[in-house]
Amino acid sequence: MMTKLTFGAHPFLLGFEQLERLVERTAKTASEGYPPFNIEATSENTYRITLAVAGFRDEDLAITVEDRQLVVRGRQGDDGTERVFLHRGIAARAFQRSFVLADGV
């Protein structure tokens, strides 16, 4: 059986609880697969994040910064039109994608 090693369990690493929470949040976020995304560095401290959200309108998306995380949420609303799909290959499920931000980003 493998035990989980935490920063707080090591006697020489004092005050790293926030870093430990950040690592855990990042690991949880990395396991999400939808929607796919790209991250580009546009300069030393600026980035461009592109998400593949086919079928979502601007009003279906919410982009916020919460607790040093960029959070993108998508939920498709009813657009009021009645559509009949012969094939629906574009995912329409709700999502939340988070990106942990370093200081100065």
PDB file of N, CA and C in Angstrom:
ATOM      1  N   MET A   1       0.839  -1.183   0.000  1.00  0.00           N
ATOM      2  CA  MET A   1       0.000   0.000   0.000  1.00  0.00           C
ATOM      3  C   MET A   1       0.880   1.241   0.000  1.00  0.00           C
ATOM      4  N   MET A   2       0.544   2.180  -0.846  1.00  0.00           N
ATOM      5  CA  MET A   2       1.319   3.406  -0.963  1.00  0.00           C
ATOM      6  C   MET A   2       0.630   4.511  -0.171  1.00  0.00           C
ATOM      7  N   THR A   3       1.391   5.232   0.663  1.00  0.00           N
ATOM      8  CA  THR A   3       0.812   6.324   1.424  1.00  0.00           C
ATOM      9  C   THR A   3       1.076   7.636   0.698  1.00  0.00           C
ATOM     10  N   LYS A   4       0.154   8.554   0.878  1.00  0.00           N
ATOM     11  CA  LYS A   4       0.273   9.865   0.245  1.00  0.00           C
ATOM     12  C   LYS A   4       1.202  10.731   1.078  1.00  0.00           C
ATOM     13  N   LEU A   5       2.214  11.282   0.421  1.00  0.00           N
ATOM     14  CA  LEU A   5       3.137  12.179   1.096  1.00  0.00           C
ATOM     15  C   LEU A   5       2.646  13.602   0.910  1.00  0.00           C
ATOM     16  N   THR A   6       2.487  14.328   1.998  1.00  0.00           N
ATOM     17  CA  THR A   6       2.031  15.711   1.910  1.00  0.00           C
ATOM     18  C   THR A   6       3.157  16.630   2.330  1.00  0.00           C
ATOM     19  N   PHE A   7       3.086  17.888   1.876  1.00  0.00           N
ATOM     20  CA  PHE A   7       4.104  18.858   2.249  1.00  0.00           C
ATOM     21  C   PHE A   7       4.110  19.066   3.759  1.00  0.00           C
ATOM     22  N   GLY A   8       2.921  19.089   4.351  1.00  0.00           N
ATOM     23  CA  GLY A   8       2.817  19.314   5.790  1.00  0.00           C
ATOM     24  C   GLY A   8       3.382  18.187   6.626  1.00  0.00           C
ATOM     25  N   ALA A   9       3.553  17.000   6.035  1.00  0.00           N
ATOM     26  CA  ALA A   9       4.064  15.853   6.778  1.00  0.00           C
ATOM     27  C   ALA A   9       5.583  15.883   6.900  1.00  0.00           C
ATOM     28  N   HIS A  10       6.249  16.704   6.115  1.00  0.00           N
ATOM     29  CA  HIS A  10       7.709  16.760   6.157  1.00  0.00           C
ATOM     30  C   HIS A  10       8.137  17.845   7.138  1.00  0.00           C
ATOM     31  N   PRO A  11       9.025  17.529   8.095  1.00  0.00           N
ATOM     32  CA  PRO A  11       9.366  18.496   9.142  1.00  0.00           C
ATOM     33  C   PRO A  11      10.113  19.734   8.643  1.00  0.00           C
ATOM     34  N   PHE A  12      10.736  19.680   7.453  1.00  0.00           N
ATOM     35  CA  PHE A  12      11.490  20.827   6.964  1.00  0.00           C
ATOM     36  C   PHE A  12      10.670  21.736   6.048  1.00  0.00           C
ATOM     37  N   LEU A  13       9.445  21.366   5.757  1.00  0.00           N
ATOM     38  CA  LEU A  13       8.594  22.151   4.870  1.00  0.00           C
ATOM     39  C   LEU A  13       7.444  22.749   5.676  1.00  0.00           C
ATOM     40  N   LEU A  14       7.702  23.885   6.274  1.00  0.00           N
ATOM     41  CA  LEU A  14       6.701  24.544   7.107  1.00  0.00           C
ATOM     42  C   LEU A  14       6.022  25.655   6.318  1.00  0.00           C
ATOM     43  N   GLY A  15       4.698  25.740   6.412  1.00  0.00           N
ATOM     44  CA  GLY A  15       3.957  26.806   5.766  1.00  0.00           C
ATOM     45  C   GLY A  15       3.655  26.565   4.301  1.00  0.00           C
ATOM     46  N   PHE A  16       3.735  25.323   3.848  1.00  0.00           N
ATOM     47  CA  PHE A  16       3.484  25.008   2.446  1.00  0.00           C
ATOM     48  C   PHE A  16       2.080  24.472   2.201  1.00  0.00           C
ATOM     49  N   GLU A  17       1.156  24.698   3.139  1.00  0.00           N
ATOM     50  CA  GLU A  17      -0.196  24.187   2.986  1.00  0.00           C
ATOM     51  C   GLU A  17      -0.876  24.758   1.751  1.00  0.00           C
ATOM     52  N   GLN A  18      -0.670  26.063   1.490  1.00  0.00           N
ATOM     53  CA  GLN A  18      -1.294  26.693   0.319  1.00  0.00           C
ATOM     54  C   GLN A  18      -0.753  26.078  -0.970  1.00  0.00           C
ATOM     55  N   LEU A  19       0.547  25.794  -1.024  1.00  0.00           N
ATOM     56  CA  LEU A  19       1.140  25.149  -2.197  1.00  0.00           C
ATOM     57  C   LEU A  19       0.565  23.751  -2.382  1.00  0.00           C
ATOM     58  N   GLU A  20       0.371  23.042  -1.292  1.00  0.00           N
ATOM     59  CA  GLU A  20      -0.218  21.706  -1.361  1.00  0.00           C
ATOM     60  C   GLU A  20      -1.639  21.758  -1.924  1.00  0.00           C
ATOM     61  N   ARG A  21      -2.447  22.723  -1.474  1.00  0.00           N
ATOM     62  CA  ARG A  21      -3.805  22.878  -2.008  1.00  0.00           C
ATOM     63  C   ARG A  21      -3.766  23.209  -3.501  1.00  0.00           C
ATOM     64  N   LEU A  22      -2.809  24.048  -3.899  1.00  0.00           N
ATOM     65  CA  LEU A  22      -2.658  24.411  -5.303  1.00  0.00           C
ATOM     66  C   LEU A  22      -2.311  23.194  -6.153  1.00  0.00           C
ATOM     67  N   VAL A  23      -1.411  22.358  -5.676  1.00  0.00           N
ATOM     68  CA  VAL A  23      -1.032  21.138  -6.405  1.00  0.00           C
ATOM     69  C   VAL A  23      -2.216  20.189  -6.512  1.00  0.00           C
ATOM     70  N   GLU A  24      -2.980  20.022  -5.448  1.00  0.00           N
ATOM     71  CA  GLU A  24      -4.155  19.148  -5.478  1.00  0.00           C
ATOM     72  C   GLU A  24      -5.210  19.672  -6.445  1.00  0.00           C
ATOM     73  N   ARG A  25      -5.449  20.992  -6.446  1.00  0.00           N
ATOM     74  CA  ARG A  25      -6.409  21.590  -7.368  1.00  0.00           C
ATOM     75  C   ARG A  25      -5.981  21.407  -8.812  1.00  0.00           C
ATOM     76  N   THR A  26      -4.680  21.588  -9.059  1.00  0.00           N
ATOM     77  CA  THR A  26      -4.153  21.436 -10.413  1.00  0.00           C
ATOM     78  C   THR A  26      -4.278  19.996 -10.885  1.00  0.00           C
ATOM     79  N   ALA A  27      -3.988  19.036 -10.034  1.00  0.00           N
ATOM     80  CA  ALA A  27      -4.105  17.625 -10.409  1.00  0.00           C
ATOM     81  C   ALA A  27      -5.552  17.265 -10.721  1.00  0.00           C
ATOM     82  N   LYS A  28      -6.485  17.794  -9.942  1.00  0.00           N
ATOM     83  CA  LYS A  28      -7.904  17.525 -10.199  1.00  0.00           C
ATOM     84  C   LYS A  28      -8.333  18.122 -11.534  1.00  0.00           C
ATOM     85  N   THR A  29      -7.892  19.350 -11.803  1.00  0.00           N
ATOM     86  CA  THR A  29      -8.252  20.031 -13.042  1.00  0.00           C
ATOM     87  C   THR A  29      -7.653  19.330 -14.249  1.00  0.00           C
ATOM     88  N   ALA A  30      -6.448  18.805 -14.121  1.00  0.00           N
ATOM     89  CA  ALA A  30      -5.760  18.165 -15.248  1.00  0.00           C
ATOM     90  C   ALA A  30      -6.459  16.887 -15.691  1.00  0.00           C
ATOM     91  N   SER A  31      -7.238  16.273 -14.815  1.00  0.00           N
ATOM     92  CA  SER A  31      -7.897  15.018 -15.172  1.00  0.00           C
ATOM     93  C   SER A  31      -9.160  15.232 -15.998  1.00  0.00           C
ATOM     94  N   GLU A  32      -9.641  16.480 -16.084  1.00  0.00           N
ATOM     95  CA  GLU A  32     -10.827  16.770 -16.873  1.00  0.00           C
ATOM     96  C   GLU A  32     -10.443  16.798 -18.347  1.00  0.00           C
ATOM     97  N   GLY A  33     -11.286  16.229 -19.217  1.00  0.00           N
ATOM     98  CA  GLY A  33     -10.932  16.177 -20.620  1.00  0.00           C
ATOM     99  C   GLY A  33     -11.797  17.015 -21.540  1.00  0.00           C
ATOM    100  N   TYR A  34     -12.877  17.596 -21.029  1.00  0.00           N
ATOM    101  CA  TYR A  34     -13.801  18.339 -21.883  1.00  0.00           C
ATOM    102  C   TYR A  34     -14.021  19.727 -21.319  1.00  0.00           C
ATOM    103  N   PRO A  35     -13.987  20.718 -22.134  1.00  0.00           N
ATOM    104  CA  PRO A  35     -13.647  20.706 -23.559  1.00  0.00           C
ATOM    105  C   PRO A  35     -12.133  20.763 -23.754  1.00  0.00           C
ATOM    106  N   PRO A  36     -11.663  20.308 -24.910  1.00  0.00           N
ATOM    107  CA  PRO A  36     -10.222  20.406 -25.173  1.00  0.00           C
ATOM    108  C   PRO A  36      -9.815  21.875 -25.291  1.00  0.00           C
ATOM    109  N   PHE A  37      -8.537  22.156 -25.033  1.00  0.00           N
ATOM    110  CA  PHE A  37      -8.074  23.545 -25.043  1.00  0.00           C
ATOM    111  C   PHE A  37      -6.613  23.631 -25.467  1.00  0.00           C
ATOM    112  N   ASN A  38      -6.213  24.831 -25.863  1.00  0.00           N
ATOM    113  CA  ASN A  38      -4.821  25.180 -26.144  1.00  0.00           C
ATOM    114  C   ASN A  38      -4.427  26.327 -25.231  1.00  0.00           C
ATOM    115  N   ILE A  39      -3.160  26.370 -24.840  1.00  0.00           N
ATOM    116  CA  ILE A  39      -2.609  27.507 -24.103  1.00  0.00           C
ATOM    117  C   ILE A  39      -1.382  27.980 -24.873  1.00  0.00           C
ATOM    118  N   GLU A  40      -1.374  29.259 -25.235  1.00  0.00           N
ATOM    119  CA  GLU A  40      -0.258  29.847 -25.971  1.00  0.00           C
ATOM    120  C   GLU A  40       0.356  30.963 -25.133  1.00  0.00           C
ATOM    121  N   ALA A  41       1.676  31.060 -25.125  1.00  0.00           N
ATOM    122  CA  ALA A  41       2.353  32.193 -24.506  1.00  0.00           C
ATOM    123  C   ALA A  41       2.441  33.289 -25.553  1.00  0.00           C
ATOM    124  N   THR A  42       1.850  34.455 -25.258  1.00  0.00           N
ATOM    125  CA  THR A  42       1.899  35.566 -26.210  1.00  0.00           C
ATOM    126  C   THR A  42       2.997  36.558 -25.851  1.00  0.00           C
ATOM    127  N   SER A  43       3.480  36.516 -24.615  1.00  0.00           N
ATOM    128  CA  SER A  43       4.652  37.269 -24.165  1.00  0.00           C
ATOM    129  C   SER A  43       5.108  36.605 -22.863  1.00  0.00           C
ATOM    130  N   GLU A  44       6.029  37.248 -22.165  1.00  0.00           N
ATOM    131  CA  GLU A  44       6.596  36.623 -20.964  1.00  0.00           C
ATOM    132  C   GLU A  44       5.549  36.338 -19.887  1.00  0.00           C
ATOM    133  N   ASN A  45       4.584  37.245 -19.718  1.00  0.00           N
ATOM    134  CA  ASN A  45       3.582  37.073 -18.660  1.00  0.00           C
ATOM    135  C   ASN A  45       2.152  37.102 -19.170  1.00  0.00           C
ATOM    136  N   THR A  46       1.937  36.905 -20.452  1.00  0.00           N
ATOM    137  CA  THR A  46       0.573  36.881 -20.977  1.00  0.00           C
ATOM    138  C   THR A  46       0.363  35.618 -21.801  1.00  0.00           C
ATOM    139  N   TYR A  47      -0.868  35.132 -21.728  1.00  0.00           N
ATOM    140  CA  TYR A  47      -1.198  33.865 -22.365  1.00  0.00           C
ATOM    141  C   TYR A  47      -2.537  33.975 -23.081  1.00  0.00           C
ATOM    142  N   ARG A  48      -2.741  33.112 -24.047  1.00  0.00           N
ATOM    143  CA  ARG A  48      -4.026  32.999 -24.734  1.00  0.00           C
ATOM    144  C   ARG A  48      -4.511  31.571 -24.539  1.00  0.00           C
ATOM    145  N   ILE A  49      -5.716  31.437 -24.009  1.00  0.00           N
ATOM    146  CA  ILE A  49      -6.336  30.124 -23.828  1.00  0.00           C
ATOM    147  C   ILE A  49      -7.476  30.010 -24.821  1.00  0.00           C
ATOM    148  N   THR A  50      -7.472  28.945 -25.606  1.00  0.00           N
ATOM    149  CA  THR A  50      -8.516  28.703 -26.593  1.00  0.00           C
ATOM    150  C   THR A  50      -9.220  27.405 -26.236  1.00  0.00           C
ATOM    151  N   LEU A  51     -10.535  27.466 -26.063  1.00  0.00           N
ATOM    152  CA  LEU A  51     -11.325  26.275 -25.768  1.00  0.00           C
ATOM    153  C   LEU A  51     -12.172  25.913 -26.982  1.00  0.00           C
ATOM    154  N   ALA A  52     -12.290  24.620 -27.271  1.00  0.00           N
ATOM    155  CA  ALA A  52     -13.131  24.135 -28.370  1.00  0.00           C
ATOM    156  C   ALA A  52     -14.546  23.941 -27.831  1.00  0.00           C
ATOM    157  N   VAL A  53     -15.386  24.937 -28.041  1.00  0.00           N
ATOM    158  CA  VAL A  53     -16.751  24.918 -27.500  1.00  0.00           C
ATOM    159  C   VAL A  53     -17.767  25.061 -28.631  1.00  0.00           C
ATOM    160  N   ALA A  54     -17.668  24.183 -29.607  1.00  0.00           N
ATOM    161  CA  ALA A  54     -18.599  24.217 -30.741  1.00  0.00           C
ATOM    162  C   ALA A  54     -20.031  24.082 -30.240  1.00  0.00           C
ATOM    163  N   GLY A  55     -20.914  24.884 -30.818  1.00  0.00           N
ATOM    164  CA  GLY A  55     -22.327  24.822 -30.457  1.00  0.00           C
ATOM    165  C   GLY A  55     -22.716  25.747 -29.326  1.00  0.00           C
ATOM    166  N   PHE A  56     -21.746  26.328 -28.612  1.00  0.00           N
ATOM    167  CA  PHE A  56     -22.040  27.261 -27.521  1.00  0.00           C
ATOM    168  C   PHE A  56     -22.050  28.683 -28.062  1.00  0.00           C
ATOM    169  N   ARG A  57     -23.005  29.478 -27.604  1.00  0.00           N
ATOM    170  CA  ARG A  57     -23.061  30.896 -27.948  1.00  0.00           C
ATOM    171  C   ARG A  57     -22.353  31.688 -26.851  1.00  0.00           C
ATOM    172  N   ASP A  58     -22.030  32.952 -27.119  1.00  0.00           N
ATOM    173  CA  ASP A  58     -21.376  33.790 -26.108  1.00  0.00           C
ATOM    174  C   ASP A  58     -22.169  33.808 -24.807  1.00  0.00           C
ATOM    175  N   GLU A  59     -23.495  33.906 -24.916  1.00  0.00           N
ATOM    176  CA  GLU A  59     -24.325  33.976 -23.711  1.00  0.00           C
ATOM    177  C   GLU A  59     -24.405  32.641 -22.956  1.00  0.00           C
ATOM    178  N   ASP A  60     -23.918  31.553 -23.560  1.00  0.00           N
ATOM    179  CA  ASP A  60     -23.875  30.245 -22.898  1.00  0.00           C
ATOM    180  C   ASP A  60     -22.613  30.081 -22.047  1.00  0.00           C
ATOM    181  N   LEU A  61     -21.674  31.036 -22.157  1.00  0.00           N
ATOM    182  CA  LEU A  61     -20.378  30.929 -21.482  1.00  0.00           C
ATOM    183  C   LEU A  61     -20.242  31.990 -20.401  1.00  0.00           C
ATOM    184  N   ALA A  62     -19.596  31.627 -19.295  1.00  0.00           N
ATOM    185  CA  ALA A  62     -19.278  32.569 -18.216  1.00  0.00           C
ATOM    186  C   ALA A  62     -17.795  32.419 -17.902  1.00  0.00           C
ATOM    187  N   ILE A  63     -17.083  33.541 -17.893  1.00  0.00           N
ATOM    188  CA  ILE A  63     -15.642  33.537 -17.618  1.00  0.00           C
ATOM    189  C   ILE A  63     -15.414  34.429 -16.408  1.00  0.00           C
ATOM    190  N   THR A  64     -14.847  33.841 -15.333  1.00  0.00           N
ATOM    191  CA  THR A  64     -14.616  34.581 -14.098  1.00  0.00           C
ATOM    192  C   THR A  64     -13.241  34.231 -13.537  1.00  0.00           C
ATOM    193  N   VAL A  65     -12.777  35.045 -12.599  1.00  0.00           N
ATOM    194  CA  VAL A  65     -11.569  34.750 -11.837  1.00  0.00           C
ATOM    195  C   VAL A  65     -12.009  34.550 -10.397  1.00  0.00           C
ATOM    196  N   GLU A  66     -11.725  33.352  -9.855  1.00  0.00           N
ATOM    197  CA  GLU A  66     -12.136  32.995  -8.500  1.00  0.00           C
ATOM    198  C   GLU A  66     -10.963  32.349  -7.783  1.00  0.00           C
ATOM    199  N   ASP A  67     -10.556  32.932  -6.675  1.00  0.00           N
ATOM    200  CA  ASP A  67      -9.511  32.343  -5.836  1.00  0.00           C
ATOM    201  C   ASP A  67      -8.274  31.972  -6.663  1.00  0.00           C
ATOM    202  N   ARG A  68      -7.759  32.948  -7.413  1.00  0.00           N
ATOM    203  CA  ARG A  68      -6.558  32.780  -8.252  1.00  0.00           C
ATOM    204  C   ARG A  68      -6.714  31.704  -9.324  1.00  0.00           C
ATOM    205  N   GLN A  69      -7.944  31.500  -9.775  1.00  0.00           N
ATOM    206  CA  GLN A  69      -8.211  30.577 -10.869  1.00  0.00           C
ATOM    207  C   GLN A  69      -9.062  31.269 -11.918  1.00  0.00           C
ATOM    208  N   LEU A  70      -8.717  31.048 -13.184  1.00  0.00           N
ATOM    209  CA  LEU A  70      -9.573  31.467 -14.281  1.00  0.00           C
ATOM    210  C   LEU A  70     -10.567  30.334 -14.481  1.00  0.00           C
ATOM    211  N   VAL A  71     -11.852  30.625 -14.373  1.00  0.00           N
ATOM    212  CA  VAL A  71     -12.889  29.600 -14.458  1.00  0.00           C
ATOM    213  C   VAL A  71     -13.773  29.895 -15.661  1.00  0.00           C
ATOM    214  N   VAL A  72     -13.916  28.901 -16.536  1.00  0.00           N
ATOM    215  CA  VAL A  72     -14.784  29.017 -17.705  1.00  0.00           C
ATOM    216  C   VAL A  72     -15.895  27.992 -17.540  1.00  0.00           C
ATOM    217  N   ARG A  73     -17.147  28.472 -17.543  1.00  0.00           N
ATOM    218  CA  ARG A  73     -18.302  27.581 -17.418  1.00  0.00           C
ATOM    219  C   ARG A  73     -19.137  27.700 -18.681  1.00  0.00           C
ATOM    220  N   GLY A  74     -19.670  26.580 -19.108  1.00  0.00           N
ATOM    221  CA  GLY A  74     -20.543  26.576 -20.264  1.00  0.00           C
ATOM    222  C   GLY A  74     -21.788  25.757 -19.997  1.00  0.00           C
ATOM    223  N   ARG A  75     -22.936  26.344 -20.334  1.00  0.00           N
ATOM    224  CA  ARG A  75     -24.210  25.642 -20.201  1.00  0.00           C
ATOM    225  C   ARG A  75     -25.095  26.144 -21.327  1.00  0.00           C
ATOM    226  N   GLN A  76     -25.473  25.238 -22.207  1.00  0.00           N
ATOM    227  CA  GLN A  76     -26.312  25.635 -23.326  1.00  0.00           C
ATOM    228  C   GLN A  76     -27.749  25.811 -22.867  1.00  0.00           C
ATOM    229  N   GLY A  77     -28.280  26.981 -23.187  1.00  0.00           N
ATOM    230  CA  GLY A  77     -29.665  27.260 -22.865  1.00  0.00           C
ATOM    231  C   GLY A  77     -30.551  26.920 -24.053  1.00  0.00           C
ATOM    232  N   ASP A  78     -31.821  26.914 -23.821  1.00  0.00           N
ATOM    233  CA  ASP A  78     -32.784  26.668 -24.897  1.00  0.00           C
ATOM    234  C   ASP A  78     -32.883  27.937 -25.729  1.00  0.00           C
ATOM    235  N   ASP A  79     -32.583  27.838 -27.018  1.00  0.00           N
ATOM    236  CA  ASP A  79     -32.620  29.023 -27.873  1.00  0.00           C
ATOM    237  C   ASP A  79     -34.004  29.313 -28.433  1.00  0.00           C
ATOM    238  N   GLY A  80     -34.982  28.535 -28.052  1.00  0.00           N
ATOM    239  CA  GLY A  80     -36.362  28.790 -28.451  1.00  0.00           C
ATOM    240  C   GLY A  80     -36.752  28.201 -29.794  1.00  0.00           C
ATOM    241  N   THR A  81     -35.787  27.663 -30.526  1.00  0.00           N
ATOM    242  CA  THR A  81     -36.125  27.064 -31.822  1.00  0.00           C
ATOM    243  C   THR A  81     -36.246  25.562 -31.673  1.00  0.00           C
ATOM    244  N   GLU A  82     -37.135  25.012 -32.444  1.00  0.00           N
ATOM    245  CA  GLU A  82     -37.317  23.565 -32.419  1.00  0.00           C
ATOM    246  C   GLU A  82     -36.481  22.975 -33.543  1.00  0.00           C
ATOM    247  N   ARG A  83     -35.487  22.167 -33.167  1.00  0.00           N
ATOM    248  CA  ARG A  83     -34.593  21.596 -34.167  1.00  0.00           C
ATOM    249  C   ARG A  83     -34.706  20.083 -34.130  1.00  0.00           C
ATOM    250  N   VAL A  84     -34.604  19.470 -35.285  1.00  0.00           N
ATOM    251  CA  VAL A  84     -34.632  18.018 -35.395  1.00  0.00           C
ATOM    252  C   VAL A  84     -33.258  17.582 -35.904  1.00  0.00           C
ATOM    253  N   PHE A  85     -32.505  16.900 -35.053  1.00  0.00           N
ATOM    254  CA  PHE A  85     -31.176  16.436 -35.422  1.00  0.00           C
ATOM    255  C   PHE A  85     -31.280  15.051 -36.057  1.00  0.00           C
ATOM    256  N   LEU A  86     -30.697  14.898 -37.225  1.00  0.00           N
ATOM    257  CA  LEU A  86     -30.567  13.572 -37.822  1.00  0.00           C
ATOM    258  C   LEU A  86     -29.346  12.866 -37.242  1.00  0.00           C
ATOM    259  N   HIS A  87     -28.365  13.654 -36.867  1.00  0.00           N
ATOM    260  CA  HIS A  87     -27.177  13.147 -36.164  1.00  0.00           C
ATOM    261  C   HIS A  87     -26.676  14.275 -35.285  1.00  0.00           C
ATOM    262  N   ARG A  88     -26.367  13.984 -34.038  1.00  0.00           N
ATOM    263  CA  ARG A  88     -25.838  15.005 -33.136  1.00  0.00           C
ATOM    264  C   ARG A  88     -24.490  14.532 -32.616  1.00  0.00           C
ATOM    265  N   GLY A  89     -23.432  14.997 -33.270  1.00  0.00           N
ATOM    266  CA  GLY A  89     -22.079  14.594 -32.904  1.00  0.00           C
ATOM    267  C   GLY A  89     -21.339  15.620 -32.082  1.00  0.00           C
ATOM    268  N   ILE A  90     -21.906  16.804 -31.917  1.00  0.00           N
ATOM    269  CA  ILE A  90     -21.271  17.856 -31.123  1.00  0.00           C
ATOM    270  C   ILE A  90     -21.843  17.789 -29.708  1.00  0.00           C
ATOM    271  N   ALA A  91     -20.954  17.629 -28.739  1.00  0.00           N
ATOM    272  CA  ALA A  91     -21.386  17.510 -27.350  1.00  0.00           C
ATOM    273  C   ALA A  91     -22.086  18.785 -26.900  1.00  0.00           C
ATOM    274  N   ALA A  92     -23.154  18.631 -26.162  1.00  0.00           N
ATOM    275  CA  ALA A  92     -23.920  19.778 -25.666  1.00  0.00           C
ATOM    276  C   ALA A  92     -23.956  19.785 -24.146  1.00  0.00           C
ATOM    277  N   ARG A  93     -23.083  19.043 -23.521  1.00  0.00           N
ATOM    278  CA  ARG A  93     -23.126  18.955 -22.061  1.00  0.00           C
ATOM    279  C   ARG A  93     -22.473  20.184 -21.424  1.00  0.00           C
ATOM    280  N   ALA A  94     -22.923  20.479 -20.231  1.00  0.00           N
ATOM    281  CA  ALA A  94     -22.367  21.591 -19.470  1.00  0.00           C
ATOM    282  C   ALA A  94     -20.949  21.236 -19.046  1.00  0.00           C
ATOM    283  N   PHE A  95     -20.127  22.271 -18.816  1.00  0.00           N
ATOM    284  CA  PHE A  95     -18.754  22.023 -18.399  1.00  0.00           C
ATOM    285  C   PHE A  95     -18.272  23.145 -17.502  1.00  0.00           C
ATOM    286  N   GLN A  96     -17.198  22.854 -16.798  1.00  0.00           N
ATOM    287  CA  GLN A  96     -16.447  23.862 -16.059  1.00  0.00           C
ATOM    288  C   GLN A  96     -14.980  23.515 -16.211  1.00  0.00           C
ATOM    289  N   ARG A  97     -14.202  24.463 -16.677  1.00  0.00           N
ATOM    290  CA  ARG A  97     -12.764  24.263 -16.872  1.00  0.00           C
ATOM    291  C   ARG A  97     -12.051  25.354 -16.078  1.00  0.00           C
ATOM    292  N   SER A  98     -11.079  24.967 -15.239  1.00  0.00           N
ATOM    293  CA  SER A  98     -10.362  25.919 -14.394  1.00  0.00           C
ATOM    294  C   SER A  98      -8.880  25.904 -14.725  1.00  0.00           C
ATOM    295  N   PHE A  99      -8.271  27.082 -14.627  1.00  0.00           N
ATOM    296  CA  PHE A  99      -6.842  27.239 -14.850  1.00  0.00           C
ATOM    297  C   PHE A  99      -6.273  28.008 -13.653  1.00  0.00           C
ATOM    298  N   VAL A 100      -5.321  27.430 -12.953  1.00  0.00           N
ATOM    299  CA  VAL A 100      -4.709  28.080 -11.786  1.00  0.00           C
ATOM    300  C   VAL A 100      -3.759  29.149 -12.294  1.00  0.00           C
ATOM    301  N   LEU A 101      -3.883  30.353 -11.742  1.00  0.00           N
ATOM    302  CA  LEU A 101      -3.080  31.495 -12.173  1.00  0.00           C
ATOM    303  C   LEU A 101      -1.956  31.775 -11.188  1.00  0.00           C
ATOM    304  N   ALA A 102      -0.762  31.965 -11.711  1.00  0.00           N
ATOM    305  CA  ALA A 102       0.365  32.361 -10.868  1.00  0.00           C
ATOM    306  C   ALA A 102       0.266  33.857 -10.585  1.00  0.00           C
ATOM    307  N   ASP A 103       0.975  34.321  -9.577  1.00  0.00           N
ATOM    308  CA  ASP A 103       1.010  35.759  -9.295  1.00  0.00           C
ATOM    309  C   ASP A 103       1.556  36.483 -10.508  1.00  0.00           C
ATOM    310  N   GLY A 104       0.958  37.605 -10.867  1.00  0.00           N
ATOM    311  CA  GLY A 104       1.425  38.411 -11.980  1.00  0.00           C
ATOM    312  C   GLY A 104       0.860  38.010 -13.320  1.00  0.00           C
ATOM    313  N   VAL A 105       0.017  36.986 -13.364  1.00  0.00           N
ATOM    314  CA  VAL A 105      -0.580  36.559 -14.632  1.00  0.00           C
ATOM    315  C   VAL A 105      -1.991  37.088 -14.703  1.00  0.00           C
TER     316      VAL A 105
END
